[in-house]
Amino acid sequence: MSDPRSEIRDAFQRRIDAAPMAPDLPWRALEHAASRSQRRSLRFATIAAAALAVLVVGTLVFLAAARQPRPPGVPAGGAPTTGVPSPSATPSPSATTSPSPSATPPPTPSPAFESHEMPDRTRDVGRMAAGADGAAWFVENYTLARIGRIDRNGSIRDFSISNSRATTVAAVTTGPDGAVWFTQDGPSAVGRMGSDGHVTTYPTRAAIAGLAGITTGPDGALWFTEETANKIGRITVSGTITEFSLPASGTGVQCGWRCPVGIAAGPDGALWFTESQLAAGGGNKIGRITTDGRVTEYPIPTAGSPWDIIAGPDGNLWFSDSRGGKVGRVTTAGEITEFAVPGKSQGLTSGPLAVGSDGAIWFVLTHAGPSAEPIYQFGRITTDGDVSSYATLDTPESIATGPDGTLWLARHGAIDKVTIFAHAFGPPRSTPSP
């Protein structure tokens, strides 16, 4: 006999199985296959997976955006900076993305050295000048009657100009005839050496005139200074000498002992020279002489002893000072401006000058007197007065620019070929005139 309870349970189950499932209740199918706890776990897992996917996608988008470069002038916040127009805006004439000249300091040239030793290391190099043959010519200091030549490859030769042990050479230049001209003492004379090495000398009126600087004038003649005789001299290429005395003052000559030293042709068609003050009563002036001999003098504002002088690239004359620790500029109207040299407080002062290929004035720095700790340097000044200095390996003696623009620096027993370049800024710039 069957159990009535079993029959009732089986009948009830058959009715449930036969009932249709509601189409709008998708979770009802799961109710027949899983318990309530299983359904809750499934829902949590689905939500967590969706949240993780959103997080991953958002991170990838952020990283991709961060790697994109910002347009110039747009900071991290995305807004353009002041003074730089947005891409859709029309820039005003004053707006620019380039820095103004006053905002960026100009490059400072740095020199590189290529050293060439003298054949005899005991010989020092004096004044130098560019030659018509593409080389630089120089005087050998403290050596009797010799001048030297260095070509652009650094090959050095020297030449004897006299057999006299009393003859010394003061300065050298290239004449309008292409020959090498020089001043000498012992006895005082102007000399010429042709391309064949032949030397001719032309004595001055005074046997001991203290000849110093020499340069080619605008009139096709050569002009030179006589320190001891207190005169400016002129010599034609054929050897005719004319001398002009400097103005006298009181009971003696204005300049005293050892007065006119450097001389250079000015842009105004006159010759300009320095009146040194190496003894009491010295000049401390810059002088100007026309080709017909008229002399004008311009006092230097501060005490000193002007020495070398050259024509600058700015239409002015530039001079050094062997005592005052300065470099000076004089206009063709006679206005003088002075600039202190580096190391002035340590006793340094300026010597020979040269115009570099960068449009600046380069000069030797020397000690005005004995020094317990020598400082080996040479200097540079732009035409607007910016001064800098650079170290050398030994005592600098002279400086000159060759015909090809090479800057030559003479020091004890050697000559350095100086290459000028502006580090990290490309080739050297030419400094504009003020």
Foldseek 3Di string as FASTA:
>chain_A
DDDPVVVVVVVVVVVVVPDDDDPVCVCVVVVVVDPPVVVVVVVVVVVVVVVVVVVVVVVVVVVVVVPDDDDPQADPVGDGHPLADDPVDDHDPPRDPDDDCVVDDDFDKDKDKDWAFDPDLQWFWAEWEAAPVQWIKTFTPPDAQKIKIAHPVGDIDMAHQDPDRQKGWAYWYAAPVRWIWTFIPPQTWIWTQGPVRDIDTAHDPDRQQCKHEKDYAPVRWIWTDRQAVQWIWIAHPVGDIDIAHDPQDDPGRQAPGGFWHAWEYAPVRWIKTGTFNPDPNGDCWIWIAHPVGDIDIAHDPDDFTWHYWYYAPQRWIKIWTLFQQWIWIAHPVGDIDIAHAPCVVVQWTWDEWEQAPLRWIKTFIAGSDDHPDGFAKIKIAHLVGDIDIDGDPAHWHYWYAYPVRWIWIIHRRIIITMDIARPPPGRRHRHHHD
